[in-house]
């Protein structure tokens, strides 16, 4: 049997966008013995894929010289025939090359073409990243494979932990709440704690719902700024893992935030989402959902610049993120049960 490795992406949103493609390969390829080479934290997302094995990479094994050596040793031990690179980096292709894979499949990027022997060129036009992953998997399989939306299975243990965490912070199971991601990683995609605080106050004042803030420990300070001492706002930034965050999101009436890993996670549990888009490009990375509203100033000449720091100055600085009233109006439409806009 052909033993193959699929190298998954390193980031939450990308892992969720790759999930349907990897699952389609696993369910429709009896001739392969498939292993996923993936970050340890991605186990919650990908472990539910049937008929696959898992090679976990700890945080120290993801980047740098020693990580390359560690991955090569791991792959050589298991004697794999083929590898599919969903990652675009030079180093990931180098690892497959030095590990001795006979077939190395991936997109031509980052000057790594000479390390691959089964190469696809990226489309000239913008294509959603989930579709790129799917096309690469189909290229490897040599046939079309079914497409479905990302979905993760929530295990009872995570649901129990989420329930206890919310209860500890004063949120009853019957309380209606809205999940908010108060800060993006990239500076250019930040709507700002002040805006989220103002929006949260309006939601609370209208008695629409309480607010639960989600994010990493790095977003905890921004969460405290949004909370500003209000008991109706619960700051859980840094207190959840992917599984508990997904369980909390499943109970939320709505998710509000930028195009982020949490937005993609909210899409997988099929709740309404409002995405504030600016520097990101929705055509390429927007969460896969038919229950989403994307707020974007698409008439700006610099929109979807895909830069992590806004290069503009003066009045043009961060114009894509200067919006408040429309966010409130659209969120209230969703909260009140009006039709969800799909874009």
Protein backbone atom coordinates (compact mmCIF):
# COMPACT_ATOMS: atom_id res chain seq x y z
CA UNK A 1 0.00 0.00 0.00
CA UNK A 2 1.19 3.53 -0.82
CA UNK A 3 2.09 5.29 2.43
CA UNK A 4 1.59 9.03 2.13
CA UNK A 5 1.98 12.03 4.40
CA UNK A 6 -0.11 15.19 4.19
CA UNK A 7 1.63 18.19 5.74
CA UNK A 8 -1.16 20.35 7.15
CA UNK A 9 -1.04 24.14 7.54
CA UNK A 10 0.33 25.69 10.73
CA UNK A 11 -2.51 28.12 11.49
CA UNK A 12 -6.03 27.57 12.80
CA UNK A 13 -7.93 29.23 9.94
CA UNK A 14 -5.87 27.43 7.28
CA UNK A 15 -6.29 24.06 9.02
CA UNK A 16 -10.05 24.53 8.99
CA UNK A 17 -10.00 25.55 5.32
CA UNK A 18 -7.91 22.45 4.52
CA UNK A 19 -10.14 20.11 6.54
CA UNK A 20 -12.65 19.27 3.74
CA UNK A 21 -9.88 18.43 1.28
CA UNK A 22 -8.02 16.15 3.69
CA UNK A 23 -11.24 14.44 4.71
CA UNK A 24 -12.22 13.87 1.07
CA UNK A 25 -8.89 12.16 0.40
CA UNK A 26 -9.23 9.94 3.47
CA UNK A 27 -12.77 8.85 2.65
CA UNK A 28 -12.26 8.23 -1.05
CA UNK A 29 -8.79 6.68 -1.37
CA UNK A 30 -8.69 3.06 -0.19
CA UNK A 31 -5.30 2.52 -1.86
CA UNK A 32 -3.47 4.92 0.46
CA UNK A 33 -2.27 4.64 4.03
CA UNK A 34 -2.53 8.29 5.09
CA UNK A 35 -0.74 10.09 7.91
CA UNK A 36 -1.14 13.75 8.78
CA UNK A 37 1.98 15.68 9.77
CA UNK A 38 0.50 18.48 11.86
CA UNK A 39 0.95 20.76 14.88
CA UNK A 40 -0.08 19.15 18.15
CA UNK A 41 -2.80 21.78 18.76
CA UNK A 42 -4.55 20.76 15.50
CA UNK A 43 -5.53 17.39 16.98
CA UNK A 44 -8.91 18.81 18.05
CA UNK A 45 -9.65 19.78 14.44
CA UNK A 46 -8.23 16.89 12.45
CA UNK A 47 -8.38 13.87 14.76
CA UNK A 48 -11.96 13.18 13.70
CA UNK A 49 -10.92 12.36 10.14
CA UNK A 50 -11.38 8.60 9.67
CA UNK A 51 -8.77 6.19 8.32
CA UNK A 52 -5.78 8.42 9.03
CA UNK A 53 -2.75 8.29 11.28
CA UNK A 54 -1.19 11.28 12.99
CA UNK A 55 2.37 12.57 13.33
CA UNK A 56 2.26 15.37 15.89
CA UNK A 57 4.70 18.28 15.86
CA UNK A 58 5.32 20.09 19.11
CA UNK A 59 5.86 23.86 19.03
CA UNK A 60 9.66 23.42 18.96
CA UNK A 61 9.38 21.17 15.91
CA UNK A 62 7.60 23.67 13.65
CA UNK A 63 10.24 26.27 12.73
CA UNK A 64 14.00 26.57 12.47
CA UNK A 65 17.00 24.36 11.73
CA UNK A 66 16.45 21.85 14.54
CA UNK A 67 12.78 21.53 13.60
CA UNK A 68 13.80 20.59 10.05
CA UNK A 69 16.17 17.91 11.39
CA UNK A 70 13.51 16.57 13.76
CA UNK A 71 10.88 16.27 11.03
CA UNK A 72 13.29 14.55 8.66
CA UNK A 73 14.15 11.93 11.30
CA UNK A 74 10.47 11.36 12.06
CA UNK A 75 9.57 10.84 8.39
CA UNK A 76 12.52 8.60 7.62
CA UNK A 77 11.61 6.28 10.48
CA UNK A 78 8.21 5.56 8.94
CA UNK A 79 9.36 5.01 5.34
CA UNK A 80 6.75 7.01 3.44
CA UNK A 81 6.45 6.89 -0.35
CA UNK A 82 4.68 10.16 -1.10
CA UNK A 83 3.96 13.52 0.45
CA UNK A 84 1.45 16.31 -0.16
CA UNK A 85 2.43 19.80 0.97
CA UNK A 86 -0.48 22.02 1.92
CA UNK A 87 2.10 24.43 3.33
CA UNK A 88 3.69 26.90 0.85
CA UNK A 89 7.13 27.19 2.47
CA UNK A 90 10.56 26.30 1.11
CA UNK A 91 11.49 24.49 4.33
CA UNK A 92 8.54 22.09 4.18
CA UNK A 93 9.52 21.06 0.63
CA UNK A 94 13.15 20.67 1.72
CA UNK A 95 12.06 18.33 4.52
CA UNK A 96 10.15 16.06 2.13
CA UNK A 97 13.10 16.09 -0.30
CA UNK A 98 15.69 15.18 2.34
CA UNK A 99 13.36 12.58 3.89
CA UNK A 100 13.56 10.70 0.58
CA UNK A 101 9.94 10.85 -0.59
CA UNK A 102 9.65 9.46 -4.13
CA UNK A 103 6.69 11.70 -4.92
CA UNK A 104 6.53 15.25 -3.57
CA UNK A 105 3.34 17.15 -4.44
CA UNK A 106 2.82 20.85 -3.88
CA UNK A 107 2.25 24.28 -5.37
CA UNK A 108 5.12 26.14 -6.98
CA UNK A 109 5.97 28.84 -4.44
CA UNK A 110 8.82 30.30 -2.37
CA UNK A 111 11.47 29.19 -4.92
CA UNK A 112 10.98 25.55 -4.04
CA UNK A 113 10.02 24.09 -7.42
CA UNK A 114 13.29 22.13 -7.81
CA UNK A 115 12.53 20.26 -4.56
CA UNK A 116 9.18 18.97 -5.86
CA UNK A 117 8.52 16.49 -8.65
CA UNK A 118 4.72 16.74 -8.80
CA UNK A 119 4.08 20.47 -9.12
CA UNK A 120 0.96 22.57 -9.57
CA UNK A 121 1.01 26.23 -10.56
CA UNK A 122 -1.22 28.52 -8.56
CA UNK A 123 -4.10 30.04 -10.59
CA UNK A 124 -3.47 33.50 -12.03
CA UNK A 125 -6.73 34.78 -10.53
CA UNK A 126 -7.64 34.80 -6.85
CA UNK A 127 -9.11 31.50 -5.66
CA UNK A 128 -10.37 30.73 -2.18
CA UNK A 129 -7.72 28.92 -0.17
CA UNK A 130 -10.04 26.02 0.64
CA UNK A 131 -10.42 25.49 -3.10
CA UNK A 132 -6.64 25.61 -3.59
CA UNK A 133 -6.20 22.87 -1.01
CA UNK A 134 -8.94 20.80 -2.62
CA UNK A 135 -7.49 21.16 -6.13
CA UNK A 136 -4.06 20.03 -4.92
CA UNK A 137 -5.54 16.95 -3.24
CA UNK A 138 -7.51 16.16 -6.41
CA UNK A 139 -4.36 16.58 -8.47
CA UNK A 140 -2.58 14.03 -6.29
CA UNK A 141 -5.53 11.60 -6.39
CA UNK A 142 -5.95 12.02 -10.14
CA UNK A 143 -9.71 12.52 -9.96
CA UNK A 144 -12.43 14.77 -8.64
CA UNK A 145 -13.35 14.40 -4.99
CA UNK A 146 -16.54 15.50 -3.18
CA UNK A 147 -16.57 18.89 -1.51
CA UNK A 148 -18.21 19.65 1.82
CA UNK A 149 -18.07 22.46 4.37
CA UNK A 150 -15.64 22.32 7.31
CA UNK A 151 -17.12 20.67 10.37
CA UNK A 152 -15.49 19.50 13.58
CA UNK A 153 -16.85 17.04 16.11
CA UNK A 154 -17.15 18.47 19.61
CA UNK A 155 -16.25 15.93 22.25
CA UNK A 156 -18.30 15.88 25.49
CA UNK A 157 -15.22 16.63 27.63
CA UNK A 158 -14.70 19.98 25.91
CA UNK A 159 -18.38 20.84 26.22
CA UNK A 160 -18.23 20.06 29.95
CA UNK A 161 -15.10 22.21 30.40
CA UNK A 162 -16.70 25.07 28.47
CA UNK A 163 -19.83 24.88 30.61
CA UNK A 164 -17.84 24.94 33.86
CA UNK A 165 -15.69 27.84 32.64
CA UNK A 166 -18.72 29.95 31.73
CA UNK A 167 -20.44 29.09 34.99
CA UNK A 168 -17.33 30.12 36.95
CA UNK A 169 -17.51 33.52 35.25
CA UNK A 170 -21.19 34.06 36.01
CA UNK A 171 -22.79 32.95 32.76
CA UNK A 172 -25.78 30.65 33.21
CA UNK A 173 -26.63 28.03 30.59
CA UNK A 174 -29.85 29.92 29.84
CA UNK A 175 -28.10 33.28 29.25
CA UNK A 176 -28.06 34.57 25.71
CA UNK A 177 -24.62 35.79 24.68
CA UNK A 178 -22.60 37.02 21.72
CA UNK A 179 -19.00 35.89 21.18
CA UNK A 180 -16.51 38.63 20.25
CA UNK A 181 -12.86 38.36 19.23
CA UNK A 182 -11.56 41.74 20.48
CA UNK A 183 -8.23 41.89 18.67
CA UNK A 184 -6.64 40.57 15.48
CA UNK A 185 -3.02 39.39 15.36
CA UNK A 186 -2.13 41.73 12.48
CA UNK A 187 -2.27 45.43 13.38
CA UNK A 188 -3.84 46.29 10.02
CA UNK A 189 -6.90 44.15 10.80
CA UNK A 190 -7.74 45.59 14.21
CA UNK A 191 -11.05 47.37 14.58
CA UNK A 192 -9.88 48.49 18.01
CA UNK A 193 -10.82 47.77 21.62
CA UNK A 194 -12.64 51.10 21.88
CA UNK A 195 -14.95 50.21 19.00
CA UNK A 196 -15.64 46.75 20.41
CA UNK A 197 -16.29 48.29 23.82
CA UNK A 198 -18.77 50.77 22.33
CA UNK A 199 -20.52 48.03 20.34
CA UNK A 200 -20.69 45.77 23.40
CA UNK A 201 -22.23 48.55 25.49
CA UNK A 202 -24.91 49.16 22.88
CA UNK A 203 -25.78 45.48 22.73
CA UNK A 204 -26.00 45.28 26.51
CA UNK A 205 -27.98 48.54 26.85
CA UNK A 206 -30.55 47.23 24.36
CA UNK A 207 -30.72 44.07 26.49
CA UNK A 208 -30.01 42.01 23.42
CA UNK A 209 -27.42 39.71 25.04
CA UNK A 210 -24.32 39.44 27.19
CA UNK A 211 -20.83 39.46 25.67
CA UNK A 212 -18.18 36.73 25.85
CA UNK A 213 -14.69 37.70 24.68
CA UNK A 214 -12.54 34.95 23.15
CA UNK A 215 -8.91 34.92 22.08
CA UNK A 216 -5.40 33.97 23.13
CA UNK A 217 -3.47 35.19 26.15
CA UNK A 218 -2.02 37.90 23.87
CA UNK A 219 -5.53 39.36 23.50
CA UNK A 220 -6.30 39.34 27.23
CA UNK A 221 -5.31 43.00 27.75
CA UNK A 222 -7.49 44.11 24.83
CA UNK A 223 -10.30 42.05 26.33
CA UNK A 224 -9.95 43.85 29.66
CA UNK A 225 -10.13 47.18 27.86
CA UNK A 226 -13.37 46.10 26.18
CA UNK A 227 -14.76 44.77 29.44
CA UNK A 228 -13.90 47.92 31.41
CA UNK A 229 -15.32 46.46 34.61
CA UNK A 230 -18.76 45.57 33.20
CA UNK A 231 -20.15 42.37 34.69
CA UNK A 232 -22.21 41.75 31.54
CA UNK A 233 -18.95 41.27 29.59
CA UNK A 234 -16.95 38.11 30.29
CA UNK A 235 -13.29 38.08 29.25
CA UNK A 236 -12.20 34.52 28.48
CA UNK A 237 -9.17 35.49 26.38
CA UNK A 238 -6.34 33.12 27.21
CA UNK A 239 -8.58 30.75 29.17
CA UNK A 240 -9.74 28.42 26.39
CA UNK A 241 -8.21 25.95 23.98
CA UNK A 242 -9.60 25.20 20.53
CA UNK A 243 -12.00 22.55 21.79
CA UNK A 244 -13.49 24.63 24.60
CA UNK A 245 -13.65 27.72 22.38
CA UNK A 246 -15.61 25.73 19.79
CA UNK A 247 -18.00 24.47 22.48
CA UNK A 248 -18.57 28.03 23.70
CA UNK A 249 -19.08 29.32 20.17
CA UNK A 250 -21.69 26.64 19.46
CA UNK A 251 -23.87 28.15 22.21
CA UNK A 252 -23.45 31.77 21.06
CA UNK A 253 -26.19 33.69 19.27
CA UNK A 254 -23.60 35.40 17.05
CA UNK A 255 -19.85 35.78 16.50
CA UNK A 256 -18.31 39.19 15.76
CA UNK A 257 -14.68 39.68 14.76
CA UNK A 258 -12.21 39.95 11.93
CA UNK A 259 -11.34 37.24 9.40
CA UNK A 260 -9.47 35.08 11.91
CA UNK A 261 -9.07 31.55 13.16
CA UNK A 262 -11.93 32.14 15.60
CA UNK A 263 -14.20 33.30 12.77
CA UNK A 264 -13.43 30.08 10.88
CA UNK A 265 -14.04 28.09 14.05
CA UNK A 266 -17.40 29.82 14.52
CA UNK A 267 -18.31 28.88 10.96
CA UNK A 268 -17.64 25.19 11.65
CA UNK A 269 -20.22 25.16 14.47
CA UNK A 270 -22.70 26.86 12.11
CA UNK A 271 -23.63 29.98 14.06
CA UNK A 272 -24.19 33.40 12.41
CA UNK A 273 -20.98 35.40 12.01
CA UNK A 274 -20.25 39.06 11.28
CA UNK A 275 -16.76 39.52 9.83
CA UNK A 276 -15.03 42.92 9.71
CA UNK A 277 -12.81 42.79 6.64
CA UNK A 278 -10.12 45.24 5.58
CA UNK A 279 -6.56 44.18 4.88
CA UNK A 280 -7.59 40.55 4.36
CA UNK A 281 -9.12 39.40 1.07
CA UNK A 282 -12.53 37.71 1.58
CA UNK A 283 -12.30 36.11 -1.87
CA UNK A 284 -9.30 34.16 -0.63
CA UNK A 285 -9.78 33.51 3.09
CA UNK A 286 -13.35 34.34 4.18
CA UNK A 287 -14.87 31.70 6.52
CA UNK A 288 -16.89 29.09 4.66
CA UNK A 289 -20.42 29.75 5.83
CA UNK A 290 -23.86 30.52 4.45
CA UNK A 291 -24.66 32.39 7.68
CA UNK A 292 -22.16 35.23 7.42
CA UNK A 293 -22.13 38.96 6.87
CA UNK A 294 -18.89 40.45 5.58
CA UNK A 295 -18.50 44.18 6.28
CA UNK A 296 -15.97 45.63 3.88
CA UNK A 297 -15.35 49.07 2.36
CA UNK A 298 -14.75 47.62 -1.07
CA UNK A 299 -14.65 51.01 -2.79
CA UNK A 300 -11.36 51.94 -1.15
CA UNK A 301 -8.47 51.66 -3.64
CA UNK A 302 -6.27 50.01 -1.00
CA UNK A 303 -8.83 47.49 0.25
CA UNK A 304 -7.68 43.88 0.75
CA UNK A 305 -4.02 44.95 0.66
CA UNK A 306 -3.05 41.81 2.62
CA UNK A 307 -0.47 43.79 4.61
CA UNK A 308 0.03 43.24 8.32
CA UNK A 309 0.78 46.91 8.99
CA UNK A 310 -1.14 49.68 7.24
CA UNK A 311 1.30 51.62 5.00
CA UNK A 312 -0.97 54.67 4.81
CA UNK A 313 -0.53 57.83 6.85
CA UNK A 314 -2.69 60.75 7.94
CA UNK A 315 -6.39 60.59 7.09
CA UNK A 316 -5.88 57.46 4.98
CA UNK A 317 -4.41 55.42 7.84
CA UNK A 318 -6.60 52.37 8.60
CA UNK A 319 -9.58 53.77 6.70
CA UNK A 320 -10.79 50.22 6.04
CA UNK A 321 -11.33 49.72 9.78
CA UNK A 322 -13.12 53.02 10.46
CA UNK A 323 -16.68 51.84 10.74
CA UNK A 324 -19.02 51.71 13.69
CA UNK A 325 -22.67 52.47 12.96
CA UNK A 326 -23.04 49.92 10.16
CA UNK A 327 -21.51 47.23 12.37
CA UNK A 328 -24.09 47.91 15.07
CA UNK A 329 -26.98 47.97 12.61
CA UNK A 330 -26.02 44.70 10.93
CA UNK A 331 -25.31 42.95 14.22
CA UNK A 332 -28.69 44.02 15.54
CA UNK A 333 -30.39 42.69 12.40
CA UNK A 334 -28.81 39.30 13.05
CA UNK A 335 -29.59 39.37 16.76
CA UNK A 336 -33.21 40.26 16.11
CA UNK A 337 -33.59 37.29 13.80
CA UNK A 338 -33.68 39.06 10.44
CA UNK A 339 -32.44 37.26 7.35
CA UNK A 340 -28.70 36.55 7.31
CA UNK A 341 -26.81 38.04 4.39
CA UNK A 342 -24.52 35.64 2.57
CA UNK A 343 -21.58 37.18 0.80
